[in-house]
């Protein structure tokens, strides 16, 4: 990314820093700019705004990422919104639902369907799949874990 932005370049396997200035804007200002330019991704940016400013602290072990993500109701809501409403994740969820829907049409209607979802998180994918499966009128055993 920094190479694409012209901050560094590589030559003969060596990385060089250019004289290009890096903004000193703080993450809240940058996030507001992203939201203004890409309002459909406000949900995604809200999660980034929550985690971005403390990413370095998490990486070096001086901040607890679980506390950041789940430590208060605002953080929990941002995380929940991300998994249930993010346009970025919606595309992948829609593809998965379409795939499973197509797959179950290939299975005899007298066969029980068993699905296990590992890493269900906040249930965004689970709820989308459950709605489709309910409409399918198939016998389904659905197990999910975090």
N, C-alpha and C. Protein backbone atom coordinates (compact mmCIF):
# COMPACT_ATOMS: atom_id res chain seq x y z
N UNK A 1 0.82 -1.18 0.00
CA UNK A 1 0.00 0.00 0.00
C UNK A 1 0.87 1.26 0.00
N UNK A 2 1.85 1.30 0.84
CA UNK A 2 2.71 2.48 0.87
C UNK A 2 3.52 2.61 -0.41
N UNK A 3 3.77 1.49 -1.06
CA UNK A 3 4.45 1.55 -2.34
C UNK A 3 3.53 2.14 -3.41
N UNK A 4 2.28 1.72 -3.42
CA UNK A 4 1.30 2.28 -4.36
C UNK A 4 1.11 3.77 -4.14
N UNK A 5 1.24 4.21 -2.91
CA UNK A 5 1.05 5.62 -2.58
C UNK A 5 2.32 6.45 -2.85
N UNK A 6 3.39 5.79 -3.26
CA UNK A 6 4.62 6.50 -3.58
C UNK A 6 5.48 6.87 -2.38
N UNK A 7 5.23 6.23 -1.24
CA UNK A 7 6.00 6.52 -0.03
C UNK A 7 7.32 5.74 -0.03
N UNK A 8 7.28 4.56 -0.62
CA UNK A 8 8.50 3.76 -0.77
C UNK A 8 8.59 3.26 -2.21
N UNK A 9 9.77 2.81 -2.58
CA UNK A 9 9.93 2.10 -3.85
C UNK A 9 11.00 1.04 -3.66
N UNK A 10 10.97 0.05 -4.53
CA UNK A 10 11.92 -1.05 -4.44
C UNK A 10 12.79 -1.06 -5.70
N UNK A 11 14.05 -1.33 -5.45
CA UNK A 11 14.99 -1.44 -6.56
C UNK A 11 16.02 -2.50 -6.22
N UNK A 12 16.14 -3.50 -7.07
CA UNK A 12 17.09 -4.59 -6.88
C UNK A 12 16.94 -5.25 -5.51
N UNK A 13 15.68 -5.43 -5.09
CA UNK A 13 15.41 -6.11 -3.82
C UNK A 13 15.60 -5.25 -2.59
N UNK A 14 15.90 -3.98 -2.76
CA UNK A 14 16.10 -3.07 -1.63
C UNK A 14 14.94 -2.08 -1.60
N UNK A 15 14.42 -1.79 -0.41
CA UNK A 15 13.32 -0.85 -0.25
C UNK A 15 13.88 0.51 0.13
N UNK A 16 13.41 1.55 -0.57
CA UNK A 16 13.86 2.91 -0.32
C UNK A 16 12.66 3.78 0.05
N UNK A 17 12.88 4.73 0.95
CA UNK A 17 11.87 5.71 1.36
C UNK A 17 12.00 6.91 0.44
N UNK A 18 10.85 7.38 -0.06
CA UNK A 18 10.85 8.57 -0.90
C UNK A 18 10.69 9.80 -0.03
N UNK A 19 10.70 10.96 -0.63
CA UNK A 19 10.52 12.20 0.12
C UNK A 19 9.05 12.58 0.24
N UNK A 20 8.16 11.73 -0.26
CA UNK A 20 6.72 12.04 -0.20
C UNK A 20 6.27 12.16 1.25
N UNK A 21 5.54 13.24 1.52
CA UNK A 21 5.05 13.52 2.86
C UNK A 21 3.89 12.59 3.21
N UNK A 22 3.90 12.09 4.42
CA UNK A 22 2.79 11.29 4.94
C UNK A 22 1.96 12.21 5.81
N UNK A 23 0.66 12.15 5.62
CA UNK A 23 -0.22 13.01 6.39
C UNK A 23 -0.04 12.80 7.89
N UNK A 24 -0.16 13.87 8.62
CA UNK A 24 -0.10 13.77 10.08
C UNK A 24 -1.50 13.83 10.67
N UNK A 25 -2.50 13.76 9.80
CA UNK A 25 -3.88 13.75 10.28
C UNK A 25 -4.10 12.56 11.19
N UNK A 26 -4.88 12.75 12.21
CA UNK A 26 -5.22 11.69 13.14
C UNK A 26 -6.32 10.82 12.53
N UNK A 27 -6.42 9.59 13.01
CA UNK A 27 -7.36 8.64 12.43
C UNK A 27 -8.82 9.12 12.43
N UNK A 28 -9.32 9.86 13.44
CA UNK A 28 -10.71 10.32 13.35
C UNK A 28 -10.95 11.21 12.13
N UNK A 29 -10.02 12.07 11.83
CA UNK A 29 -10.17 12.95 10.66
C UNK A 29 -10.12 12.14 9.37
N UNK A 30 -9.21 11.20 9.30
CA UNK A 30 -9.09 10.35 8.12
C UNK A 30 -10.38 9.53 7.94
N UNK A 31 -10.89 8.98 9.03
CA UNK A 31 -12.11 8.19 8.98
C UNK A 31 -13.29 9.03 8.49
N UNK A 32 -13.41 10.25 8.98
CA UNK A 32 -14.49 11.13 8.51
C UNK A 32 -14.38 11.36 7.00
N UNK A 33 -13.17 11.50 6.51
CA UNK A 33 -12.96 11.65 5.07
C UNK A 33 -13.39 10.42 4.29
N UNK A 34 -13.06 9.24 4.83
CA UNK A 34 -13.47 8.00 4.18
C UNK A 34 -15.00 7.89 4.14
N UNK A 35 -15.63 8.20 5.27
CA UNK A 35 -17.09 8.12 5.35
C UNK A 35 -17.74 9.09 4.36
N UNK A 36 -17.20 10.29 4.29
CA UNK A 36 -17.75 11.28 3.35
C UNK A 36 -17.62 10.80 1.90
N UNK A 37 -16.52 10.15 1.59
CA UNK A 37 -16.29 9.68 0.24
C UNK A 37 -16.95 8.35 -0.10
N UNK A 38 -17.26 7.57 0.93
CA UNK A 38 -17.82 6.22 0.72
C UNK A 38 -18.89 5.94 1.77
N UNK A 39 -20.02 6.65 1.74
CA UNK A 39 -21.03 6.52 2.81
C UNK A 39 -21.63 5.12 2.95
N UNK A 40 -21.62 4.33 1.90
CA UNK A 40 -22.17 2.97 2.00
C UNK A 40 -21.37 2.11 2.96
N UNK A 41 -20.12 2.52 3.23
CA UNK A 41 -19.24 1.73 4.08
C UNK A 41 -19.09 2.32 5.48
N UNK A 42 -20.03 3.15 5.89
CA UNK A 42 -19.99 3.76 7.22
C UNK A 42 -19.83 2.70 8.32
N UNK A 43 -20.53 1.59 8.17
CA UNK A 43 -20.46 0.52 9.17
C UNK A 43 -19.05 -0.05 9.27
N UNK A 44 -18.43 -0.26 8.11
CA UNK A 44 -17.07 -0.80 8.10
C UNK A 44 -16.09 0.20 8.73
N UNK A 45 -16.27 1.48 8.38
CA UNK A 45 -15.38 2.51 8.92
C UNK A 45 -15.56 2.69 10.42
N UNK A 46 -16.79 2.46 10.92
CA UNK A 46 -17.02 2.57 12.37
C UNK A 46 -16.19 1.54 13.12
N UNK A 47 -16.10 0.33 12.57
CA UNK A 47 -15.28 -0.70 13.21
C UNK A 47 -13.80 -0.34 13.09
N UNK A 48 -13.40 0.17 11.94
CA UNK A 48 -12.00 0.59 11.77
C UNK A 48 -11.65 1.74 12.73
N UNK A 49 -12.59 2.65 12.93
CA UNK A 49 -12.35 3.77 13.84
C UNK A 49 -12.19 3.28 15.27
N UNK A 50 -12.86 2.21 15.59
CA UNK A 50 -12.78 1.63 16.93
C UNK A 50 -11.44 0.92 17.14
N UNK A 51 -10.96 0.24 16.12
CA UNK A 51 -9.77 -0.59 16.28
C UNK A 51 -8.49 0.06 15.77
N UNK A 52 -8.58 0.86 14.74
CA UNK A 52 -7.39 1.45 14.11
C UNK A 52 -6.48 2.22 15.05
N UNK A 53 -7.04 3.14 15.85
CA UNK A 53 -6.17 3.94 16.72
C UNK A 53 -5.39 3.13 17.76
N UNK A 54 -5.84 1.92 18.05
CA UNK A 54 -5.16 1.11 19.07
C UNK A 54 -4.54 -0.16 18.49
N UNK A 55 -4.47 -0.23 17.17
CA UNK A 55 -3.92 -1.43 16.53
C UNK A 55 -2.48 -1.69 16.98
N UNK A 56 -1.65 -0.69 16.97
CA UNK A 56 -0.25 -0.89 17.38
C UNK A 56 -0.17 -1.40 18.82
N UNK A 57 -1.00 -0.84 19.69
CA UNK A 57 -1.00 -1.29 21.09
C UNK A 57 -1.40 -2.76 21.20
N UNK A 58 -2.37 -3.16 20.39
CA UNK A 58 -2.79 -4.57 20.39
C UNK A 58 -1.67 -5.46 19.88
N UNK A 59 -1.00 -5.03 18.83
CA UNK A 59 0.05 -5.84 18.24
C UNK A 59 1.25 -6.04 19.15
N UNK A 60 1.54 -5.04 19.99
CA UNK A 60 2.69 -5.19 20.90
C UNK A 60 2.27 -5.70 22.28
N UNK A 61 0.96 -5.94 22.45
CA UNK A 61 0.48 -6.56 23.68
C UNK A 61 0.17 -5.62 24.82
N UNK A 62 0.12 -4.30 24.57
CA UNK A 62 -0.21 -3.37 25.66
C UNK A 62 -1.69 -3.03 25.72
N UNK A 63 -2.48 -3.54 24.76
CA UNK A 63 -3.94 -3.35 24.80
C UNK A 63 -4.59 -4.70 24.51
N UNK A 64 -5.73 -4.92 25.12
CA UNK A 64 -6.47 -6.16 24.97
C UNK A 64 -7.52 -6.00 23.86
N UNK A 65 -7.34 -6.67 22.72
CA UNK A 65 -8.28 -6.50 21.62
C UNK A 65 -9.70 -6.92 21.96
N UNK A 66 -9.85 -7.92 22.81
CA UNK A 66 -11.20 -8.35 23.19
C UNK A 66 -11.92 -7.27 23.98
N UNK A 67 -11.17 -6.59 24.83
CA UNK A 67 -11.75 -5.49 25.60
C UNK A 67 -12.16 -4.35 24.68
N UNK A 68 -11.36 -4.11 23.64
CA UNK A 68 -11.67 -3.05 22.69
C UNK A 68 -12.92 -3.39 21.90
N UNK A 69 -13.03 -4.64 21.45
CA UNK A 69 -14.17 -5.04 20.63
C UNK A 69 -15.44 -5.29 21.43
N UNK A 70 -15.30 -5.75 22.66
CA UNK A 70 -16.48 -6.14 23.43
C UNK A 70 -16.59 -5.43 24.77
N UNK A 71 -15.73 -4.45 25.02
CA UNK A 71 -15.65 -3.83 26.34
C UNK A 71 -16.76 -2.87 26.70
N UNK A 72 -17.54 -2.42 25.72
CA UNK A 72 -18.66 -1.53 26.03
C UNK A 72 -19.74 -1.71 24.97
N UNK A 73 -20.90 -1.18 25.23
CA UNK A 73 -22.03 -1.40 24.34
C UNK A 73 -21.83 -0.77 22.96
N UNK A 74 -21.15 0.38 22.90
CA UNK A 74 -20.90 1.02 21.61
C UNK A 74 -20.01 0.15 20.73
N UNK A 75 -18.98 -0.42 21.33
CA UNK A 75 -18.07 -1.30 20.61
C UNK A 75 -18.79 -2.57 20.16
N UNK A 76 -19.57 -3.14 21.04
CA UNK A 76 -20.32 -4.35 20.69
C UNK A 76 -21.29 -4.08 19.54
N UNK A 77 -21.93 -2.91 19.56
CA UNK A 77 -22.86 -2.55 18.49
C UNK A 77 -22.13 -2.37 17.16
N UNK A 78 -20.96 -1.75 17.18
CA UNK A 78 -20.17 -1.58 15.95
C UNK A 78 -19.79 -2.93 15.38
N UNK A 79 -19.38 -3.83 16.24
CA UNK A 79 -18.98 -5.18 15.82
C UNK A 79 -20.18 -5.93 15.25
N UNK A 80 -21.31 -5.87 15.95
CA UNK A 80 -22.54 -6.54 15.51
C UNK A 80 -23.01 -5.97 14.17
N UNK A 81 -23.01 -4.64 14.04
CA UNK A 81 -23.42 -4.00 12.78
C UNK A 81 -22.54 -4.46 11.63
N UNK A 82 -21.24 -4.56 11.89
CA UNK A 82 -20.30 -4.98 10.85
C UNK A 82 -20.68 -6.35 10.30
N UNK A 83 -20.95 -7.30 11.18
CA UNK A 83 -21.25 -8.66 10.73
C UNK A 83 -22.66 -8.83 10.19
N UNK A 84 -23.57 -7.95 10.54
CA UNK A 84 -24.94 -8.08 10.03
C UNK A 84 -25.26 -7.16 8.86
N UNK A 85 -24.54 -6.03 8.72
CA UNK A 85 -24.96 -5.04 7.73
C UNK A 85 -23.87 -4.54 6.80
N UNK A 86 -22.65 -4.96 6.97
CA UNK A 86 -21.56 -4.48 6.14
C UNK A 86 -21.76 -4.87 4.68
N UNK A 87 -21.70 -3.91 3.77
CA UNK A 87 -21.82 -4.26 2.35
C UNK A 87 -20.68 -5.18 1.90
N UNK A 88 -19.52 -5.02 2.52
CA UNK A 88 -18.38 -5.87 2.17
C UNK A 88 -18.69 -7.34 2.50
N UNK A 89 -19.23 -7.58 3.68
CA UNK A 89 -19.54 -8.95 4.07
C UNK A 89 -20.82 -9.46 3.44
N UNK A 90 -21.75 -8.55 3.12
CA UNK A 90 -23.03 -8.95 2.53
C UNK A 90 -22.81 -9.70 1.22
N UNK A 91 -21.86 -9.26 0.42
CA UNK A 91 -21.58 -9.92 -0.86
C UNK A 91 -21.14 -11.36 -0.63
N UNK A 92 -20.24 -11.55 0.31
CA UNK A 92 -19.75 -12.91 0.59
C UNK A 92 -20.86 -13.78 1.18
N UNK A 93 -21.66 -13.20 2.07
CA UNK A 93 -22.76 -13.94 2.68
C UNK A 93 -23.78 -14.33 1.61
N UNK A 94 -24.12 -13.40 0.73
CA UNK A 94 -25.06 -13.70 -0.35
C UNK A 94 -24.55 -14.83 -1.24
N UNK A 95 -23.26 -14.82 -1.53
CA UNK A 95 -22.68 -15.89 -2.35
C UNK A 95 -22.76 -17.24 -1.63
N UNK A 96 -22.48 -17.24 -0.33
CA UNK A 96 -22.55 -18.48 0.43
C UNK A 96 -23.98 -19.00 0.48
N UNK A 97 -24.94 -18.11 0.74
CA UNK A 97 -26.35 -18.52 0.79
C UNK A 97 -26.78 -19.09 -0.57
N UNK A 98 -26.40 -18.45 -1.65
CA UNK A 98 -26.75 -18.94 -2.99
C UNK A 98 -26.12 -20.31 -3.24
N UNK A 99 -24.88 -20.48 -2.80
CA UNK A 99 -24.19 -21.77 -2.98
C UNK A 99 -24.91 -22.87 -2.21
N UNK A 100 -25.22 -22.62 -0.94
CA UNK A 100 -25.90 -23.64 -0.12
C UNK A 100 -27.29 -23.93 -0.67
N UNK A 101 -27.98 -22.89 -1.11
CA UNK A 101 -29.32 -23.08 -1.70
C UNK A 101 -29.23 -23.98 -2.92
N UNK A 102 -28.27 -23.75 -3.78
CA UNK A 102 -28.07 -24.58 -4.97
C UNK A 102 -27.67 -26.00 -4.57
N UNK A 103 -26.80 -26.11 -3.57
CA UNK A 103 -26.32 -27.43 -3.14
C UNK A 103 -27.46 -28.28 -2.60
N UNK A 104 -28.37 -27.70 -1.81
CA UNK A 104 -29.44 -28.52 -1.22
C UNK A 104 -30.45 -28.96 -2.27
N UNK A 105 -30.51 -28.26 -3.40
CA UNK A 105 -31.41 -28.73 -4.47
C UNK A 105 -30.88 -30.00 -5.11
N UNK A 106 -29.60 -30.28 -4.93
CA UNK A 106 -28.97 -31.47 -5.49
C UNK A 106 -29.13 -32.69 -4.58
N UNK A 107 -29.67 -32.46 -3.37
CA UNK A 107 -29.80 -33.52 -2.37
C UNK A 107 -31.25 -33.96 -2.31
N UNK A 108 -31.47 -35.26 -2.29
CA UNK A 108 -32.83 -35.80 -2.22
C UNK A 108 -33.59 -35.20 -1.04
N UNK A 109 -34.87 -34.92 -1.23
CA UNK A 109 -35.67 -34.25 -0.20
C UNK A 109 -35.89 -35.13 1.03
N UNK A 110 -35.65 -36.43 0.92
CA UNK A 110 -35.83 -37.29 2.09
C UNK A 110 -34.56 -37.41 2.94
N UNK A 111 -33.51 -36.73 2.53
CA UNK A 111 -32.24 -36.75 3.26
C UNK A 111 -32.16 -35.55 4.19
N UNK A 112 -31.81 -35.80 5.46
CA UNK A 112 -31.61 -34.70 6.40
C UNK A 112 -30.32 -33.97 6.04
N UNK A 113 -30.33 -32.66 6.19
CA UNK A 113 -29.16 -31.84 5.90
C UNK A 113 -28.53 -31.44 7.21
N UNK A 114 -27.22 -31.67 7.35
CA UNK A 114 -26.49 -31.27 8.54
C UNK A 114 -25.44 -30.25 8.15
N UNK A 115 -25.43 -29.14 8.87
CA UNK A 115 -24.48 -28.06 8.62
C UNK A 115 -23.82 -27.70 9.93
N UNK A 116 -22.51 -27.51 9.89
CA UNK A 116 -21.79 -26.98 11.05
C UNK A 116 -21.08 -25.71 10.60
N UNK A 117 -21.28 -24.66 11.34
CA UNK A 117 -20.62 -23.38 11.06
C UNK A 117 -19.63 -23.11 12.19
N UNK A 118 -18.38 -23.05 11.85
CA UNK A 118 -17.32 -22.81 12.83
C UNK A 118 -16.93 -21.34 12.76
N UNK A 119 -16.94 -20.67 13.90
CA UNK A 119 -16.61 -19.25 13.93
C UNK A 119 -17.81 -18.39 13.61
N UNK A 120 -18.95 -18.68 14.22
CA UNK A 120 -20.20 -18.00 13.90
C UNK A 120 -20.24 -16.54 14.36
N UNK A 121 -19.37 -16.17 15.27
CA UNK A 121 -19.28 -14.77 15.68
C UNK A 121 -20.60 -14.21 16.17
N UNK A 122 -21.03 -13.12 15.53
CA UNK A 122 -22.27 -12.44 15.91
C UNK A 122 -23.49 -13.00 15.20
N UNK A 123 -23.30 -13.98 14.33
CA UNK A 123 -24.43 -14.64 13.69
C UNK A 123 -24.92 -14.03 12.40
N UNK A 124 -24.15 -13.15 11.78
CA UNK A 124 -24.59 -12.53 10.53
C UNK A 124 -24.82 -13.54 9.43
N UNK A 125 -23.87 -14.43 9.22
CA UNK A 125 -24.01 -15.48 8.21
C UNK A 125 -25.06 -16.48 8.65
N UNK A 126 -25.06 -16.82 9.93
CA UNK A 126 -26.01 -17.78 10.47
C UNK A 126 -27.44 -17.35 10.20
N UNK A 127 -27.74 -16.08 10.48
CA UNK A 127 -29.13 -15.62 10.30
C UNK A 127 -29.53 -15.62 8.83
N UNK A 128 -28.62 -15.25 7.94
CA UNK A 128 -28.95 -15.28 6.50
C UNK A 128 -29.19 -16.71 6.02
N UNK A 129 -28.35 -17.64 6.46
CA UNK A 129 -28.53 -19.04 6.07
C UNK A 129 -29.79 -19.62 6.69
N UNK A 130 -30.06 -19.30 7.94
CA UNK A 130 -31.25 -19.83 8.61
C UNK A 130 -32.54 -19.39 7.90
N UNK A 131 -32.57 -18.14 7.45
CA UNK A 131 -33.76 -17.66 6.72
C UNK A 131 -33.97 -18.44 5.43
N UNK A 132 -32.90 -18.65 4.69
CA UNK A 132 -33.00 -19.39 3.44
C UNK A 132 -33.39 -20.84 3.70
N UNK A 133 -32.78 -21.46 4.71
CA UNK A 133 -33.06 -22.86 5.02
C UNK A 133 -34.50 -23.04 5.48
N UNK A 134 -35.01 -22.08 6.24
CA UNK A 134 -36.40 -22.16 6.69
C UNK A 134 -37.36 -22.13 5.50
N UNK A 135 -37.07 -21.29 4.53
CA UNK A 135 -37.91 -21.20 3.33
C UNK A 135 -37.80 -22.45 2.46
N UNK A 136 -36.73 -23.20 2.60
CA UNK A 136 -36.52 -24.40 1.77
C UNK A 136 -37.41 -25.56 2.19
N UNK A 137 -37.98 -25.48 3.40
CA UNK A 137 -38.83 -26.55 3.93
C UNK A 137 -38.11 -27.89 3.99
N UNK A 138 -36.80 -27.84 4.24
CA UNK A 138 -36.00 -29.05 4.37
C UNK A 138 -35.72 -29.30 5.84
N UNK A 139 -35.50 -30.58 6.17
CA UNK A 139 -35.08 -30.93 7.54
C UNK A 139 -33.60 -30.62 7.64
N UNK A 140 -33.27 -29.73 8.58
CA UNK A 140 -31.89 -29.27 8.71
C UNK A 140 -31.46 -29.32 10.16
N UNK A 141 -30.27 -29.86 10.38
CA UNK A 141 -29.62 -29.77 11.69
C UNK A 141 -28.48 -28.76 11.51
N UNK A 142 -28.58 -27.65 12.21
CA UNK A 142 -27.60 -26.57 12.04
C UNK A 142 -26.89 -26.36 13.36
N UNK A 143 -25.60 -26.58 13.38
CA UNK A 143 -24.78 -26.40 14.59
C UNK A 143 -23.78 -25.28 14.31
N UNK A 144 -23.65 -24.37 15.26
CA UNK A 144 -22.65 -23.33 15.09
C UNK A 144 -21.87 -23.15 16.36
N UNK A 145 -20.62 -22.74 16.18
CA UNK A 145 -19.72 -22.50 17.31
C UNK A 145 -19.00 -21.18 17.08
N UNK A 146 -18.44 -20.64 18.12
CA UNK A 146 -17.62 -19.43 17.97
C UNK A 146 -16.18 -19.79 18.05
